[in-house]
Amino acid sequence: MKDKVATILKVFLTVLLAISAILFIIFYSTGEEFTSVMLTWGYILIALAALVTILFPLFYIIMNPRKGKTILIGLLGFIVLYLISNAIASGSIQGEVYETFKITEATSKFIGSIMNMTYILAGLAIVSIIYSGISSIFK
């Protein structure tokens, strides 16, 4: 089963690569008239990547329910982290930049919560690096 899926995936990716290469050659030989086709192809590739990114973890959870529990715990951790980050975010819209780009209070709060989440994750990464360095000294 895995060999068959791997073969199908390899053929599919080879076809995508071939189409991309052909479009690349046509784009550089014709010039700017082909830009809209290249943009459309880029959108198709992004949509396929998003679809695969969403579907494959779902299939993995269905095929391996015990390991899927670990994934769901991690996802729950990210949701809790986002809720904490959202609670700390201010959502203020004072300043010229907010008016220029028409940023609403909700958008500002969302951006602030994502930034807070990034800061928290960066801090956790630094703490884990320091911890692993110190713990390896004592082993």
N, C-alpha and C. Protein backbone atom coordinates (compact mmCIF):
# COMPACT_ATOMS: atom_id res chain seq x y z
N MET A 1 0.83 -1.20 0.00
CA MET A 1 0.00 0.00 0.00
C MET A 1 0.87 1.26 0.00
N LYS A 2 1.90 1.27 0.88
CA LYS A 2 2.75 2.45 0.96
C LYS A 2 3.54 2.65 -0.34
N ASP A 3 3.98 1.54 -0.95
CA ASP A 3 4.73 1.65 -2.20
C ASP A 3 3.85 2.21 -3.32
N LYS A 4 2.59 1.80 -3.34
CA LYS A 4 1.68 2.28 -4.38
C LYS A 4 1.41 3.78 -4.20
N VAL A 5 1.20 4.21 -2.95
CA VAL A 5 0.97 5.63 -2.67
C VAL A 5 2.22 6.44 -3.02
N ALA A 6 3.39 5.91 -2.67
CA ALA A 6 4.64 6.60 -2.97
C ALA A 6 4.84 6.73 -4.48
N THR A 7 4.51 5.69 -5.23
CA THR A 7 4.64 5.74 -6.68
C THR A 7 3.69 6.76 -7.29
N ILE A 8 2.46 6.77 -6.84
CA ILE A 8 1.47 7.74 -7.34
C ILE A 8 1.92 9.15 -7.01
N LEU A 9 2.39 9.36 -5.79
CA LEU A 9 2.85 10.68 -5.38
C LEU A 9 4.06 11.13 -6.20
N LYS A 10 4.97 10.20 -6.47
CA LYS A 10 6.15 10.53 -7.26
C LYS A 10 5.76 10.92 -8.68
N VAL A 11 4.83 10.21 -9.27
CA VAL A 11 4.36 10.53 -10.63
C VAL A 11 3.65 11.89 -10.63
N PHE A 12 2.81 12.12 -9.64
CA PHE A 12 2.08 13.39 -9.54
C PHE A 12 3.05 14.57 -9.41
N LEU A 13 4.05 14.43 -8.55
CA LEU A 13 5.02 15.51 -8.37
C LEU A 13 5.87 15.72 -9.62
N THR A 14 6.17 14.64 -10.33
CA THR A 14 6.92 14.76 -11.58
C THR A 14 6.10 15.50 -12.63
N VAL A 15 4.82 15.22 -12.70
CA VAL A 15 3.94 15.92 -13.64
C VAL A 15 3.86 17.40 -13.30
N LEU A 16 3.73 17.72 -12.01
CA LEU A 16 3.70 19.12 -11.59
C LEU A 16 5.00 19.83 -11.95
N LEU A 17 6.12 19.15 -11.74
CA LEU A 17 7.42 19.72 -12.08
C LEU A 17 7.54 19.94 -13.58
N ALA A 18 7.08 18.99 -14.37
CA ALA A 18 7.15 19.11 -15.83
C ALA A 18 6.29 20.28 -16.32
N ILE A 19 5.08 20.39 -15.78
CA ILE A 19 4.20 21.50 -16.17
C ILE A 19 4.84 22.83 -15.78
N SER A 20 5.41 22.89 -14.59
CA SER A 20 6.06 24.12 -14.13
C SER A 20 7.24 24.48 -15.02
N ALA A 21 8.03 23.49 -15.41
CA ALA A 21 9.19 23.74 -16.27
C ALA A 21 8.75 24.24 -17.64
N ILE A 22 7.72 23.63 -18.20
CA ILE A 22 7.22 24.06 -19.51
C ILE A 22 6.68 25.49 -19.43
N LEU A 23 5.91 25.79 -18.39
CA LEU A 23 5.39 27.14 -18.23
C LEU A 23 6.51 28.15 -18.01
N PHE A 24 7.55 27.74 -17.30
CA PHE A 24 8.71 28.61 -17.07
C PHE A 24 9.40 28.96 -18.40
N ILE A 25 9.58 27.96 -19.24
CA ILE A 25 10.23 28.19 -20.54
C ILE A 25 9.36 29.09 -21.41
N ILE A 26 8.06 28.83 -21.44
CA ILE A 26 7.15 29.67 -22.23
C ILE A 26 7.15 31.10 -21.70
N PHE A 27 7.14 31.25 -20.38
CA PHE A 27 7.12 32.59 -19.78
C PHE A 27 8.36 33.39 -20.18
N TYR A 28 9.51 32.77 -20.10
CA TYR A 28 10.73 33.50 -20.43
C TYR A 28 10.96 33.68 -21.93
N SER A 29 10.26 32.91 -22.74
CA SER A 29 10.40 33.12 -24.19
C SER A 29 9.38 34.13 -24.72
N THR A 30 8.19 34.21 -24.10
CA THR A 30 7.18 35.14 -24.60
C THR A 30 7.20 36.49 -23.90
N GLY A 31 7.58 36.53 -22.66
CA GLY A 31 7.63 37.80 -21.95
C GLY A 31 6.43 38.03 -21.07
N GLU A 32 6.06 39.28 -20.93
CA GLU A 32 5.05 39.68 -19.96
C GLU A 32 3.63 39.26 -20.32
N GLU A 33 3.38 38.89 -21.55
CA GLU A 33 2.01 38.48 -21.92
C GLU A 33 1.57 37.23 -21.17
N PHE A 34 2.52 36.45 -20.69
CA PHE A 34 2.23 35.16 -20.06
C PHE A 34 2.17 35.28 -18.54
N THR A 35 2.27 36.50 -18.02
CA THR A 35 2.33 36.70 -16.57
C THR A 35 1.07 36.21 -15.87
N SER A 36 -0.09 36.47 -16.44
CA SER A 36 -1.33 36.05 -15.78
C SER A 36 -1.43 34.53 -15.69
N VAL A 37 -0.94 33.84 -16.70
CA VAL A 37 -0.95 32.36 -16.66
C VAL A 37 -0.02 31.87 -15.55
N MET A 38 1.16 32.51 -15.43
CA MET A 38 2.10 32.10 -14.39
C MET A 38 1.54 32.37 -12.99
N LEU A 39 0.86 33.50 -12.84
CA LEU A 39 0.24 33.80 -11.56
C LEU A 39 -0.86 32.79 -11.23
N THR A 40 -1.65 32.44 -12.22
CA THR A 40 -2.70 31.44 -12.02
C THR A 40 -2.09 30.10 -11.63
N TRP A 41 -1.01 29.71 -12.29
CA TRP A 41 -0.34 28.45 -11.96
C TRP A 41 0.21 28.51 -10.53
N GLY A 42 0.75 29.65 -10.16
CA GLY A 42 1.23 29.82 -8.79
C GLY A 42 0.11 29.68 -7.77
N TYR A 43 -1.05 30.26 -8.08
CA TYR A 43 -2.20 30.12 -7.18
C TYR A 43 -2.65 28.67 -7.08
N ILE A 44 -2.62 27.96 -8.18
CA ILE A 44 -3.00 26.54 -8.18
C ILE A 44 -2.03 25.75 -7.30
N LEU A 45 -0.73 26.02 -7.43
CA LEU A 45 0.26 25.32 -6.62
C LEU A 45 0.10 25.64 -5.14
N ILE A 46 -0.20 26.89 -4.82
CA ILE A 46 -0.43 27.27 -3.42
C ILE A 46 -1.67 26.56 -2.87
N ALA A 47 -2.73 26.49 -3.67
CA ALA A 47 -3.94 25.81 -3.24
C ALA A 47 -3.68 24.32 -3.01
N LEU A 48 -2.91 23.70 -3.91
CA LEU A 48 -2.57 22.29 -3.73
C LEU A 48 -1.74 22.08 -2.46
N ALA A 49 -0.79 22.98 -2.21
CA ALA A 49 0.03 22.85 -1.01
C ALA A 49 -0.83 23.01 0.25
N ALA A 50 -1.76 23.95 0.23
CA ALA A 50 -2.65 24.14 1.38
C ALA A 50 -3.54 22.92 1.58
N LEU A 51 -4.05 22.38 0.49
CA LEU A 51 -4.90 21.19 0.57
C LEU A 51 -4.15 20.00 1.15
N VAL A 52 -2.94 19.79 0.66
CA VAL A 52 -2.12 18.68 1.16
C VAL A 52 -1.76 18.91 2.62
N THR A 53 -1.46 20.15 2.99
CA THR A 53 -1.11 20.47 4.36
C THR A 53 -2.26 20.19 5.32
N ILE A 54 -3.47 20.36 4.85
CA ILE A 54 -4.64 20.11 5.69
C ILE A 54 -5.04 18.64 5.68
N LEU A 55 -5.01 18.00 4.51
CA LEU A 55 -5.54 16.64 4.40
C LEU A 55 -4.62 15.56 4.95
N PHE A 56 -3.31 15.66 4.71
CA PHE A 56 -2.42 14.59 5.14
C PHE A 56 -2.40 14.40 6.66
N PRO A 57 -2.36 15.46 7.47
CA PRO A 57 -2.46 15.21 8.91
C PRO A 57 -3.77 14.56 9.32
N LEU A 58 -4.87 14.92 8.64
CA LEU A 58 -6.14 14.28 8.96
C LEU A 58 -6.10 12.79 8.64
N PHE A 59 -5.54 12.42 7.49
CA PHE A 59 -5.40 11.01 7.14
C PHE A 59 -4.49 10.30 8.14
N TYR A 60 -3.43 10.97 8.58
CA TYR A 60 -2.50 10.37 9.54
C TYR A 60 -3.21 10.10 10.86
N ILE A 61 -4.03 11.04 11.31
CA ILE A 61 -4.76 10.85 12.57
C ILE A 61 -5.75 9.71 12.44
N ILE A 62 -6.40 9.60 11.29
CA ILE A 62 -7.36 8.52 11.08
C ILE A 62 -6.66 7.17 11.04
N MET A 63 -5.49 7.11 10.38
CA MET A 63 -4.77 5.84 10.24
C MET A 63 -4.04 5.44 11.52
N ASN A 64 -3.60 6.41 12.32
CA ASN A 64 -2.86 6.15 13.56
C ASN A 64 -3.51 6.90 14.72
N PRO A 65 -4.62 6.39 15.25
CA PRO A 65 -5.35 7.14 16.28
C PRO A 65 -4.54 7.39 17.56
N ARG A 66 -3.68 6.45 17.94
CA ARG A 66 -2.88 6.64 19.16
C ARG A 66 -1.89 7.79 18.99
N LYS A 67 -1.23 7.84 17.86
CA LYS A 67 -0.29 8.93 17.61
C LYS A 67 -1.03 10.23 17.32
N GLY A 68 -2.25 10.12 16.84
CA GLY A 68 -3.07 11.28 16.58
C GLY A 68 -3.41 12.04 17.86
N LYS A 69 -3.47 11.29 18.98
CA LYS A 69 -3.75 11.92 20.26
C LYS A 69 -2.63 12.91 20.61
N THR A 70 -1.40 12.56 20.31
CA THR A 70 -0.27 13.45 20.57
C THR A 70 -0.38 14.72 19.73
N ILE A 71 -0.79 14.57 18.49
CA ILE A 71 -0.96 15.72 17.61
C ILE A 71 -2.07 16.62 18.15
N LEU A 72 -3.16 16.04 18.59
CA LEU A 72 -4.26 16.84 19.11
C LEU A 72 -3.87 17.57 20.40
N ILE A 73 -3.02 16.95 21.23
CA ILE A 73 -2.53 17.62 22.43
C ILE A 73 -1.68 18.83 22.05
N GLY A 74 -0.82 18.67 21.04
CA GLY A 74 -0.02 19.79 20.56
C GLY A 74 -0.88 20.90 19.99
N LEU A 75 -1.90 20.53 19.23
CA LEU A 75 -2.83 21.51 18.66
C LEU A 75 -3.58 22.25 19.77
N LEU A 76 -4.00 21.51 20.79
CA LEU A 76 -4.66 22.13 21.93
C LEU A 76 -3.72 23.11 22.64
N GLY A 77 -2.43 22.76 22.74
CA GLY A 77 -1.45 23.65 23.33
C GLY A 77 -1.34 24.95 22.55
N PHE A 78 -1.33 24.85 21.21
CA PHE A 78 -1.28 26.06 20.39
C PHE A 78 -2.54 26.91 20.55
N ILE A 79 -3.68 26.27 20.69
CA ILE A 79 -4.92 27.02 20.89
C ILE A 79 -4.89 27.76 22.22
N VAL A 80 -4.43 27.08 23.28
CA VAL A 80 -4.32 27.73 24.59
C VAL A 80 -3.32 28.88 24.52
N LEU A 81 -2.19 28.66 23.85
CA LEU A 81 -1.20 29.72 23.70
C LEU A 81 -1.77 30.91 22.94
N TYR A 82 -2.56 30.65 21.90
CA TYR A 82 -3.19 31.75 21.16
C TYR A 82 -4.18 32.50 22.05
N LEU A 83 -4.96 31.78 22.83
CA LEU A 83 -5.93 32.45 23.71
C LEU A 83 -5.22 33.33 24.74
N ILE A 84 -4.10 32.85 25.28
CA ILE A 84 -3.32 33.66 26.22
C ILE A 84 -2.76 34.88 25.50
N SER A 85 -2.21 34.68 24.31
CA SER A 85 -1.65 35.78 23.53
C SER A 85 -2.72 36.80 23.16
N ASN A 86 -3.90 36.33 22.83
CA ASN A 86 -5.00 37.21 22.48
C ASN A 86 -5.47 38.01 23.69
N ALA A 87 -5.41 37.41 24.87
CA ALA A 87 -5.81 38.12 26.08
C ALA A 87 -4.84 39.25 26.41
N ILE A 88 -3.56 39.07 26.08
CA ILE A 88 -2.57 40.10 26.40
C ILE A 88 -2.54 41.20 25.33
N ALA A 89 -2.98 40.92 24.12
CA ALA A 89 -2.89 41.89 23.01
C ALA A 89 -3.81 43.08 23.29
N SER A 90 -3.31 44.27 22.92
CA SER A 90 -4.06 45.49 23.25
C SER A 90 -5.12 45.83 22.20
N GLY A 91 -4.78 45.79 20.94
CA GLY A 91 -5.73 46.14 19.90
C GLY A 91 -5.87 47.63 19.69
N SER A 92 -4.89 48.40 20.14
CA SER A 92 -4.98 49.85 19.96
C SER A 92 -4.72 50.22 18.50
N ILE A 93 -5.38 51.28 18.06
CA ILE A 93 -5.22 51.72 16.67
C ILE A 93 -4.83 53.19 16.62
N GLN A 94 -3.96 53.59 17.50
CA GLN A 94 -3.51 54.98 17.52
C GLN A 94 -2.29 55.12 16.63
N GLY A 95 -2.32 56.06 15.74
CA GLY A 95 -1.18 56.30 14.88
C GLY A 95 -1.59 56.46 13.43
N GLU A 96 -0.71 57.06 12.69
CA GLU A 96 -0.95 57.35 11.28
C GLU A 96 -0.96 56.08 10.42
N VAL A 97 -0.12 55.13 10.79
CA VAL A 97 -0.03 53.88 10.02
C VAL A 97 -1.35 53.14 10.00
N TYR A 98 -2.04 53.12 11.13
CA TYR A 98 -3.32 52.41 11.22
C TYR A 98 -4.36 53.03 10.30
N GLU A 99 -4.35 54.35 10.20
CA GLU A 99 -5.30 55.04 9.32
C GLU A 99 -4.94 54.83 7.86
N THR A 100 -3.63 54.87 7.56
CA THR A 100 -3.18 54.71 6.17
C THR A 100 -3.60 53.36 5.61
N PHE A 101 -3.41 52.31 6.40
CA PHE A 101 -3.73 50.95 5.92
C PHE A 101 -5.11 50.48 6.35
N LYS A 102 -5.89 51.38 6.93
CA LYS A 102 -7.26 51.08 7.35
C LYS A 102 -7.33 49.83 8.24
N ILE A 103 -6.48 49.81 9.25
CA ILE A 103 -6.44 48.68 10.18
C ILE A 103 -7.47 48.92 11.28
N THR A 104 -8.36 47.95 11.46
CA THR A 104 -9.39 48.06 12.48
C THR A 104 -8.84 47.59 13.82
N GLU A 105 -9.62 47.78 14.86
CA GLU A 105 -9.21 47.36 16.19
C GLU A 105 -9.09 45.83 16.26
N ALA A 106 -10.00 45.12 15.59
CA ALA A 106 -9.95 43.65 15.59
C ALA A 106 -8.70 43.15 14.87
N THR A 107 -8.36 43.78 13.75
CA THR A 107 -7.16 43.39 13.01
C THR A 107 -5.92 43.67 13.83
N SER A 108 -5.89 44.82 14.50
CA SER A 108 -4.75 45.16 15.34
C SER A 108 -4.59 44.16 16.49
N LYS A 109 -5.70 43.75 17.09
CA LYS A 109 -5.66 42.77 18.18
C LYS A 109 -5.16 41.42 17.66
N PHE A 110 -5.61 41.02 16.48
CA PHE A 110 -5.16 39.75 15.90
C PHE A 110 -3.66 39.79 15.62
N ILE A 111 -3.18 40.88 15.03
CA ILE A 111 -1.76 41.01 14.74
C ILE A 111 -0.96 41.00 16.05
N GLY A 112 -1.45 41.72 17.04
CA GLY A 112 -0.78 41.75 18.34
C GLY A 112 -0.73 40.38 18.99
N SER A 113 -1.81 39.61 18.87
CA SER A 113 -1.84 38.28 19.47
C SER A 113 -0.87 37.33 18.77
N ILE A 114 -0.76 37.43 17.45
CA ILE A 114 0.19 36.60 16.72
C ILE A 114 1.62 36.98 17.09
N MET A 115 1.87 38.29 17.23
CA MET A 115 3.21 38.72 17.63
C MET A 115 3.54 38.24 19.04
N ASN A 116 2.57 38.34 19.96
CA ASN A 116 2.79 37.84 21.32
C ASN A 116 3.06 36.34 21.31
N MET A 117 2.33 35.61 20.49
CA MET A 117 2.53 34.17 20.39
C MET A 117 3.93 33.87 19.87
N THR A 118 4.40 34.65 18.90
CA THR A 118 5.75 34.47 18.38
C THR A 118 6.79 34.73 19.46
N TYR A 119 6.59 35.79 20.25
CA TYR A 119 7.53 36.11 21.32
C TYR A 119 7.56 35.00 22.37
N ILE A 120 6.40 34.48 22.73
CA ILE A 120 6.34 33.41 23.73
C ILE A 120 7.04 32.16 23.21
N LEU A 121 6.77 31.79 21.95
CA LEU A 121 7.42 30.60 21.37
C LEU A 121 8.92 30.79 21.25
N ALA A 122 9.37 32.00 20.90
CA ALA A 122 10.81 32.27 20.83
C ALA A 122 11.43 32.15 22.21
N GLY A 123 10.75 32.68 23.21
CA GLY A 123 11.25 32.56 24.59
C GLY A 123 11.34 31.11 25.04
N LEU A 124 10.31 30.33 24.72
CA LEU A 124 10.34 28.91 25.08
C LEU A 124 11.47 28.17 24.35
N ALA A 125 11.71 28.54 23.10
CA ALA A 125 12.81 27.92 22.36
C ALA A 125 14.15 28.25 23.00
N ILE A 126 14.35 29.50 23.39
CA ILE A 126 15.61 29.89 24.03
C ILE A 126 15.78 29.18 25.37
N VAL A 127 14.71 29.11 26.16
CA VAL A 127 14.78 28.40 27.45
C VAL A 127 15.10 26.93 27.24
N SER A 128 14.49 26.30 26.23
CA SER A 128 14.77 24.87 25.99
C SER A 128 16.19 24.65 25.50
N ILE A 129 16.74 25.58 24.72
CA ILE A 129 18.14 25.46 24.28
C ILE A 129 19.07 25.58 25.47
N ILE A 130 18.81 26.55 26.34
CA ILE A 130 19.65 26.72 27.54
C ILE A 130 19.53 25.49 28.44
N TYR A 131 18.31 24.99 28.63
CA TYR A 131 18.10 23.81 29.47
C TYR A 131 18.84 22.60 28.92
N SER A 132 18.74 22.37 27.62
CA SER A 132 19.41 21.19 27.06
C SER A 132 20.93 21.33 27.15
N GLY A 133 21.44 22.55 27.00
CA GLY A 133 22.88 22.77 27.15
C GLY A 133 23.35 22.52 28.56
N ILE A 134 22.60 23.00 29.53
CA ILE A 134 22.98 22.80 30.93
C ILE A 134 22.81 21.35 31.34
N SER A 135 21.72 20.72 30.92
CA SER A 135 21.50 19.33 31.31
C SER A 135 22.51 18.38 30.68
N SER A 136 23.03 18.71 29.49
CA SER A 136 24.03 17.85 28.87
C SER A 136 25.37 17.93 29.60
N ILE A 137 25.63 19.05 30.30
CA ILE A 137 26.86 19.18 31.08
C ILE A 137 26.86 18.22 32.25
N PHE A 138 25.71 18.02 32.89
CA PHE A 138 25.62 17.19 34.07
C PHE A 138 25.42 15.72 33.77
N LYS A 139 25.33 15.32 32.52
CA LYS A 139 25.14 13.91 32.18
C LYS A 139 26.43 13.21 31.99
